């Protein structure tokens, strides 16, 4: 079976997906991981994607969909799919893939977090430029400002974590995913989960959905 997880950037869906995959022995598949795998291993799909990325263009739906189909076909485990579908057309393509592979979509878990909470989370995030360690000015600051605790690398704010950029990212996300959410609501597969609060509290709410 396949569970989809949705949430705006900074909603915590990556963290929650990993926690769920560990407890329930799900396979966590994210589109980001799929891209990195195919690019690193220079697969045919990776080379196709690279040809668009190198020109600064978006990777076409058909290439992304083929990556998803390939990843879904390689496991017999139950799956948490993170980052796909992002459009109604991709949702329809996923229906076709599932029918072909004889897999069922059990539901869509949507982590609902207000914009102001997400802005606070992301704008306070800091990342080590060397090892990628993540910090937060409020909840997890580095011991010495601007210096990574793990490797002494430079810790800084990502450009896309600036408040004005976050606002635009959220607007783009809402505009693109609204039709997808309506698609699954019409099918009775949509579960909205309060994504505000302690990580464990949010996890418990997701467990309630999974039953």
C-alpha atoms as a PDB file:
ATOM      1  CA  UNK A   1       0.000   0.000   0.000  1.00  0.00           C
ATOM      2  CA  UNK A   2       0.997   3.612  -0.511  1.00  0.00           C
ATOM      3  CA  UNK A   3       0.480   6.576   1.796  1.00  0.00           C
ATOM      4  CA  UNK A   4       1.103  10.066   0.453  1.00  0.00           C
ATOM      5  CA  UNK A   5       2.337  12.814   2.767  1.00  0.00           C
ATOM      6  CA  UNK A   6       1.816  16.482   1.991  1.00  0.00           C
ATOM      7  CA  UNK A   7       2.947  19.629   3.714  1.00  0.00           C
ATOM      8  CA  UNK A   8       4.399  22.997   2.848  1.00  0.00           C
ATOM      9  CA  UNK A   9       8.163  23.582   3.069  1.00  0.00           C
ATOM     10  CA  UNK A  10       9.017  23.592   6.770  1.00  0.00           C
ATOM     11  CA  UNK A  11       5.925  21.627   7.830  1.00  0.00           C
ATOM     12  CA  UNK A  12       8.053  18.769   9.171  1.00  0.00           C
ATOM     13  CA  UNK A  13       6.874  16.122   6.718  1.00  0.00           C
ATOM     14  CA  UNK A  14      10.416  14.841   6.093  1.00  0.00           C
ATOM     15  CA  UNK A  15      11.001  14.234   9.799  1.00  0.00           C
ATOM     16  CA  UNK A  16       7.592  12.635  10.269  1.00  0.00           C
ATOM     17  CA  UNK A  17       8.038  10.419   7.194  1.00  0.00           C
ATOM     18  CA  UNK A  18      11.288   9.028   8.600  1.00  0.00           C
ATOM     19  CA  UNK A  19       9.691   8.384  12.003  1.00  0.00           C
ATOM     20  CA  UNK A  20       6.737   6.586  10.414  1.00  0.00           C
ATOM     21  CA  UNK A  21       8.961   4.523   8.115  1.00  0.00           C
ATOM     22  CA  UNK A  22      11.010   3.318  11.095  1.00  0.00           C
ATOM     23  CA  UNK A  23       8.036   2.365  13.250  1.00  0.00           C
ATOM     24  CA  UNK A  24       5.918   0.745  10.541  1.00  0.00           C
ATOM     25  CA  UNK A  25       8.729  -0.553   8.319  1.00  0.00           C
ATOM     26  CA  UNK A  26       7.565   1.611   5.416  1.00  0.00           C
ATOM     27  CA  UNK A  27       9.831   2.550   2.545  1.00  0.00           C
ATOM     28  CA  UNK A  28      10.195   6.337   2.509  1.00  0.00           C
ATOM     29  CA  UNK A  29      10.439   7.590  -1.052  1.00  0.00           C
ATOM     30  CA  UNK A  30      11.000  11.284  -1.695  1.00  0.00           C
ATOM     31  CA  UNK A  31      11.338  12.866  -5.107  1.00  0.00           C
ATOM     32  CA  UNK A  32      14.498  14.596  -3.895  1.00  0.00           C
ATOM     33  CA  UNK A  33      16.118  11.244  -3.073  1.00  0.00           C
ATOM     34  CA  UNK A  34      14.993   9.834  -6.427  1.00  0.00           C
ATOM     35  CA  UNK A  35      16.623  12.711  -8.291  1.00  0.00           C
ATOM     36  CA  UNK A  36      19.862  12.403  -6.315  1.00  0.00           C
ATOM     37  CA  UNK A  37      19.984   8.628  -6.875  1.00  0.00           C
ATOM     38  CA  UNK A  38      19.423   8.867 -10.618  1.00  0.00           C
ATOM     39  CA  UNK A  39      21.834  11.780 -11.073  1.00  0.00           C
ATOM     40  CA  UNK A  40      24.557  10.171  -8.970  1.00  0.00           C
ATOM     41  CA  UNK A  41      24.292   6.825 -10.772  1.00  0.00           C
ATOM     42  CA  UNK A  42      23.913   8.470 -14.190  1.00  0.00           C
ATOM     43  CA  UNK A  43      20.904   6.362 -15.085  1.00  0.00           C
ATOM     44  CA  UNK A  44      19.062   7.048 -18.335  1.00  0.00           C
ATOM     45  CA  UNK A  45      16.445   8.953 -16.347  1.00  0.00           C
ATOM     46  CA  UNK A  46      19.139  10.841 -14.463  1.00  0.00           C
ATOM     47  CA  UNK A  47      20.813  11.912 -17.697  1.00  0.00           C
ATOM     48  CA  UNK A  48      17.461  13.043 -19.102  1.00  0.00           C
ATOM     49  CA  UNK A  49      16.773  15.076 -15.963  1.00  0.00           C
ATOM     50  CA  UNK A  50      20.293  16.559 -16.037  1.00  0.00           C
ATOM     51  CA  UNK A  51      19.823  17.799 -19.591  1.00  0.00           C
ATOM     52  CA  UNK A  52      16.964  20.019 -18.372  1.00  0.00           C
ATOM     53  CA  UNK A  53      18.551  21.004 -15.056  1.00  0.00           C
ATOM     54  CA  UNK A  54      21.779  22.107 -16.747  1.00  0.00           C
ATOM     55  CA  UNK A  55      19.757  24.528 -18.884  1.00  0.00           C
ATOM     56  CA  UNK A  56      17.930  25.883 -15.855  1.00  0.00           C
ATOM     57  CA  UNK A  57      14.641  24.319 -16.937  1.00  0.00           C
ATOM     58  CA  UNK A  58      12.115  22.353 -14.911  1.00  0.00           C
ATOM     59  CA  UNK A  59      12.285  18.595 -15.374  1.00  0.00           C
ATOM     60  CA  UNK A  60       9.176  17.574 -17.376  1.00  0.00           C
ATOM     61  CA  UNK A  61       6.365  15.656 -15.694  1.00  0.00           C
ATOM     62  CA  UNK A  62       6.946  12.559 -17.789  1.00  0.00           C
ATOM     63  CA  UNK A  63      10.553  12.202 -16.576  1.00  0.00           C
ATOM     64  CA  UNK A  64       9.592  12.711 -12.924  1.00  0.00           C
ATOM     65  CA  UNK A  65       6.739  10.220 -13.308  1.00  0.00           C
ATOM     66  CA  UNK A  66       9.056   7.606 -14.810  1.00  0.00           C
ATOM     67  CA  UNK A  67      11.399   8.043 -11.826  1.00  0.00           C
ATOM     68  CA  UNK A  68       8.488   7.517  -9.445  1.00  0.00           C
ATOM     69  CA  UNK A  69       7.298   4.438 -11.324  1.00  0.00           C
ATOM     70  CA  UNK A  70      10.805   2.975 -11.274  1.00  0.00           C
ATOM     71  CA  UNK A  71      11.153   3.559  -7.518  1.00  0.00           C
ATOM     72  CA  UNK A  72       7.710   2.126  -6.731  1.00  0.00           C
ATOM     73  CA  UNK A  73       8.376  -0.982  -8.800  1.00  0.00           C
ATOM     74  CA  UNK A  74      11.585  -1.758  -6.904  1.00  0.00           C
ATOM     75  CA  UNK A  75      10.007  -2.446  -3.502  1.00  0.00           C
ATOM     76  CA  UNK A  76       7.342  -4.758  -2.144  1.00  0.00           C
ATOM     77  CA  UNK A  77       7.125  -2.824   1.141  1.00  0.00           C
ATOM     78  CA  UNK A  78       4.400  -0.386   2.028  1.00  0.00           C
ATOM     79  CA  UNK A  79       5.454   3.103   0.982  1.00  0.00           C
ATOM     80  CA  UNK A  80       5.326   6.693   2.191  1.00  0.00           C
ATOM     81  CA  UNK A  81       5.589   8.859  -0.915  1.00  0.00           C
ATOM     82  CA  UNK A  82       6.883  12.361  -0.200  1.00  0.00           C
ATOM     83  CA  UNK A  83       6.941  15.146  -2.797  1.00  0.00           C
ATOM     84  CA  UNK A  84       4.763  13.556  -5.461  1.00  0.00           C
ATOM     85  CA  UNK A  85       2.262  14.220  -6.935  1.00  0.00           C
ATOM     86  CA  UNK A  86       2.578  18.019  -7.128  1.00  0.00           C
ATOM     87  CA  UNK A  87      -0.035  18.583  -9.847  1.00  0.00           C
ATOM     88  CA  UNK A  88      -3.424  17.085 -10.717  1.00  0.00           C
ATOM     89  CA  UNK A  89      -1.862  15.625 -13.860  1.00  0.00           C
ATOM     90  CA  UNK A  90       0.787  13.863 -11.762  1.00  0.00           C
ATOM     91  CA  UNK A  91      -1.957  12.546  -9.460  1.00  0.00           C
ATOM     92  CA  UNK A  92      -3.692  11.039 -12.472  1.00  0.00           C
ATOM     93  CA  UNK A  93      -0.399   9.539 -13.642  1.00  0.00           C
ATOM     94  CA  UNK A  94       0.116   8.021 -10.192  1.00  0.00           C
ATOM     95  CA  UNK A  95      -3.317   6.376 -10.446  1.00  0.00           C
ATOM     96  CA  UNK A  96      -2.195   4.721 -13.690  1.00  0.00           C
ATOM     97  CA  UNK A  97       1.124   3.623 -12.161  1.00  0.00           C
ATOM     98  CA  UNK A  98      -0.610   2.083  -9.141  1.00  0.00           C
ATOM     99  CA  UNK A  99      -3.062   0.229 -11.369  1.00  0.00           C
ATOM    100  CA  UNK A 100      -0.180  -1.101 -13.466  1.00  0.00           C
ATOM    101  CA  UNK A 101       1.866  -2.184 -10.418  1.00  0.00           C
ATOM    102  CA  UNK A 102      -1.198  -3.420  -8.495  1.00  0.00           C
ATOM    103  CA  UNK A 103      -0.552  -1.070  -5.567  1.00  0.00           C
ATOM    104  CA  UNK A 104      -3.243   0.813  -3.622  1.00  0.00           C
ATOM    105  CA  UNK A 105      -3.199   4.409  -2.407  1.00  0.00           C
ATOM    106  CA  UNK A 106      -4.543   4.160   1.134  1.00  0.00           C
ATOM    107  CA  UNK A 107      -4.678   7.860   1.877  1.00  0.00           C
ATOM    108  CA  UNK A 108      -3.128  11.312   1.851  1.00  0.00           C
ATOM    109  CA  UNK A 109      -1.850  12.788   5.113  1.00  0.00           C
ATOM    110  CA  UNK A 110      -1.665  16.576   5.005  1.00  0.00           C
ATOM    111  CA  UNK A 111       0.327  18.335   7.724  1.00  0.00           C
ATOM    112  CA  UNK A 112      -1.438  21.653   8.205  1.00  0.00           C
ATOM    113  CA  UNK A 113       0.856  24.307   9.675  1.00  0.00           C
ATOM    114  CA  UNK A 114      -0.006  28.058   9.633  1.00  0.00           C
ATOM    115  CA  UNK A 115       2.219  30.270   7.493  1.00  0.00           C
ATOM    116  CA  UNK A 116       3.497  32.208  10.511  1.00  0.00           C
ATOM    117  CA  UNK A 117       4.744  29.006  12.168  1.00  0.00           C
ATOM    118  CA  UNK A 118       6.507  27.900   9.003  1.00  0.00           C
ATOM    119  CA  UNK A 119       8.104  31.317   8.548  1.00  0.00           C
ATOM    120  CA  UNK A 120       9.416  31.174  12.117  1.00  0.00           C
ATOM    121  CA  UNK A 121      10.783  27.659  11.615  1.00  0.00           C
ATOM    122  CA  UNK A 122      12.505  28.320   8.311  1.00  0.00           C
ATOM    123  CA  UNK A 123      13.748  31.861   8.880  1.00  0.00           C
ATOM    124  CA  UNK A 124      15.473  30.707  12.066  1.00  0.00           C
ATOM    125  CA  UNK A 125      17.137  27.723  10.392  1.00  0.00           C
ATOM    126  CA  UNK A 126      20.897  27.783   9.909  1.00  0.00           C
ATOM    127  CA  UNK A 127      22.949  25.234   7.961  1.00  0.00           C
ATOM    128  CA  UNK A 128      26.632  24.314   8.004  1.00  0.00           C
ATOM    129  CA  UNK A 129      28.136  25.047   4.598  1.00  0.00           C
ATOM    130  CA  UNK A 130      30.622  22.166   4.994  1.00  0.00           C
ATOM    131  CA  UNK A 131      28.788  19.169   6.483  1.00  0.00           C
ATOM    132  CA  UNK A 132      25.136  20.198   6.178  1.00  0.00           C
ATOM    133  CA  UNK A 133      24.370  20.057   9.917  1.00  0.00           C
ATOM    134  CA  UNK A 134      21.147  21.940  10.707  1.00  0.00           C
ATOM    135  CA  UNK A 135      20.658  24.400  13.568  1.00  0.00           C
ATOM    136  CA  UNK A 136      17.934  26.820  14.668  1.00  0.00           C
ATOM    137  CA  UNK A 137      18.423  30.170  16.356  1.00  0.00           C
ATOM    138  CA  UNK A 138      15.684  29.408  18.910  1.00  0.00           C
ATOM    139  CA  UNK A 139      15.517  25.667  19.452  1.00  0.00           C
ATOM    140  CA  UNK A 140      18.968  24.389  18.479  1.00  0.00           C
ATOM    141  CA  UNK A 141      21.628  27.116  18.211  1.00  0.00           C
ATOM    142  CA  UNK A 142      25.252  26.261  17.553  1.00  0.00           C
ATOM    143  CA  UNK A 143      27.547  26.554  20.624  1.00  0.00           C
ATOM    144  CA  UNK A 144      29.532  29.340  18.985  1.00  0.00           C
ATOM    145  CA  UNK A 145      27.555  31.635  16.692  1.00  0.00           C
ATOM    146  CA  UNK A 146      28.347  30.947  13.049  1.00  0.00           C
ATOM    147  CA  UNK A 147      30.566  27.909  13.739  1.00  0.00           C
ATOM    148  CA  UNK A 148      29.447  24.303  13.325  1.00  0.00           C
ATOM    149  CA  UNK A 149      29.673  22.143  16.454  1.00  0.00           C
ATOM    150  CA  UNK A 150      30.513  19.085  14.354  1.00  0.00           C
ATOM    151  CA  UNK A 151      33.169  20.253  11.889  1.00  0.00           C
ATOM    152  CA  UNK A 152      33.930  23.916  12.679  1.00  0.00           C
ATOM    153  CA  UNK A 153      32.516  24.843   9.289  1.00  0.00           C
ATOM    154  CA  UNK A 154      30.718  28.134   8.602  1.00  0.00           C
ATOM    155  CA  UNK A 155      27.054  28.151   9.637  1.00  0.00           C
ATOM    156  CA  UNK A 156      24.776  30.473   7.686  1.00  0.00           C
ATOM    157  CA  UNK A 157      21.204  31.076   6.565  1.00  0.00           C
ATOM    158  CA  UNK A 158      20.181  29.622   3.218  1.00  0.00           C
ATOM    159  CA  UNK A 159      19.029  32.219   0.708  1.00  0.00           C
ATOM    160  CA  UNK A 160      15.654  30.501   0.343  1.00  0.00           C
ATOM    161  CA  UNK A 161      15.094  30.744   4.127  1.00  0.00           C
ATOM    162  CA  UNK A 162      14.855  34.548   4.016  1.00  0.00           C
ATOM    163  CA  UNK A 163      11.321  35.641   5.091  1.00  0.00           C
ATOM    164  CA  UNK A 164      10.428  37.278   1.764  1.00  0.00           C
ATOM    165  CA  UNK A 165      11.508  34.154  -0.138  1.00  0.00           C
ATOM    166  CA  UNK A 166       9.582  31.893   2.261  1.00  0.00           C
ATOM    167  CA  UNK A 167       6.404  33.884   1.602  1.00  0.00           C
ATOM    168  CA  UNK A 168       6.777  33.329  -2.139  1.00  0.00           C
ATOM    169  CA  UNK A 169       7.562  29.614  -1.670  1.00  0.00           C
ATOM    170  CA  UNK A 170       4.376  29.172   0.375  1.00  0.00           C
ATOM    171  CA  UNK A 171       2.254  30.978  -2.202  1.00  0.00           C
ATOM    172  CA  UNK A 172       3.656  28.829  -5.009  1.00  0.00           C
ATOM    173  CA  UNK A 173       3.121  25.670  -2.954  1.00  0.00           C
ATOM    174  CA  UNK A 174      -0.522  26.474  -2.195  1.00  0.00           C
ATOM    175  CA  UNK A 175      -1.314  27.390  -5.778  1.00  0.00           C
ATOM    176  CA  UNK A 176       0.212  24.208  -7.183  1.00  0.00           C
ATOM    177  CA  UNK A 177      -1.084  21.714  -4.612  1.00  0.00           C
ATOM    178  CA  UNK A 178      -4.659  22.930  -4.131  1.00  0.00           C
ATOM    179  CA  UNK A 179      -5.953  20.999  -7.199  1.00  0.00           C
ATOM    180  CA  UNK A 180      -4.120  17.872  -5.982  1.00  0.00           C
ATOM    181  CA  UNK A 181      -5.732  18.078  -2.547  1.00  0.00           C
ATOM    182  CA  UNK A 182      -9.173  18.555  -4.129  1.00  0.00           C
ATOM    183  CA  UNK A 183      -8.499  15.492  -6.299  1.00  0.00           C
ATOM    184  CA  UNK A 184      -7.951  13.287  -3.240  1.00  0.00           C
ATOM    185  CA  UNK A 185     -10.713  14.921  -1.179  1.00  0.00           C
ATOM    186  CA  UNK A 186     -13.172  13.940  -3.917  1.00  0.00           C
ATOM    187  CA  UNK A 187     -11.956  10.357  -3.579  1.00  0.00           C
ATOM    188  CA  UNK A 188     -12.367  10.362   0.224  1.00  0.00           C
ATOM    189  CA  UNK A 189      -8.653   9.725   0.749  1.00  0.00           C
ATOM    190  CA  UNK A 190      -7.673  13.037   2.342  1.00  0.00           C
ATOM    191  CA  UNK A 191      -6.714  13.309   6.026  1.00  0.00           C
ATOM    192  CA  UNK A 192      -5.806  16.708   7.448  1.00  0.00           C
ATOM    193  CA  UNK A 193      -3.484  16.572  10.464  1.00  0.00           C
ATOM    194  CA  UNK A 194      -2.578  19.413  12.807  1.00  0.00           C
ATOM    195  CA  UNK A 195       1.161  19.861  12.242  1.00  0.00           C
ATOM    196  CA  UNK A 196       1.701  22.346  15.082  1.00  0.00           C
ATOM    197  CA  UNK A 197       3.342  21.266  18.323  1.00  0.00           C
ATOM    198  CA  UNK A 198       5.944  18.870  19.611  1.00  0.00           C
ATOM    199  CA  UNK A 199       7.329  16.410  17.051  1.00  0.00           C
ATOM    200  CA  UNK A 200       6.059  13.438  19.064  1.00  0.00           C
ATOM    201  CA  UNK A 201       2.576  14.961  19.390  1.00  0.00           C
ATOM    202  CA  UNK A 202       2.338  15.405  15.626  1.00  0.00           C
ATOM    203  CA  UNK A 203       3.593  11.840  15.171  1.00  0.00           C
ATOM    204  CA  UNK A 204       0.822  10.541  17.450  1.00  0.00           C
ATOM    205  CA  UNK A 205      -1.783  12.323  15.313  1.00  0.00           C
ATOM    206  CA  UNK A 206      -0.394  10.657  12.198  1.00  0.00           C
ATOM    207  CA  UNK A 207      -0.512   7.294  13.954  1.00  0.00           C
ATOM    208  CA  UNK A 208      -4.209   7.876  14.621  1.00  0.00           C
ATOM    209  CA  UNK A 209      -4.748   8.290  10.871  1.00  0.00           C
ATOM    210  CA  UNK A 210      -2.855   5.092  10.106  1.00  0.00           C
ATOM    211  CA  UNK A 211      -4.953   3.271  12.679  1.00  0.00           C
END
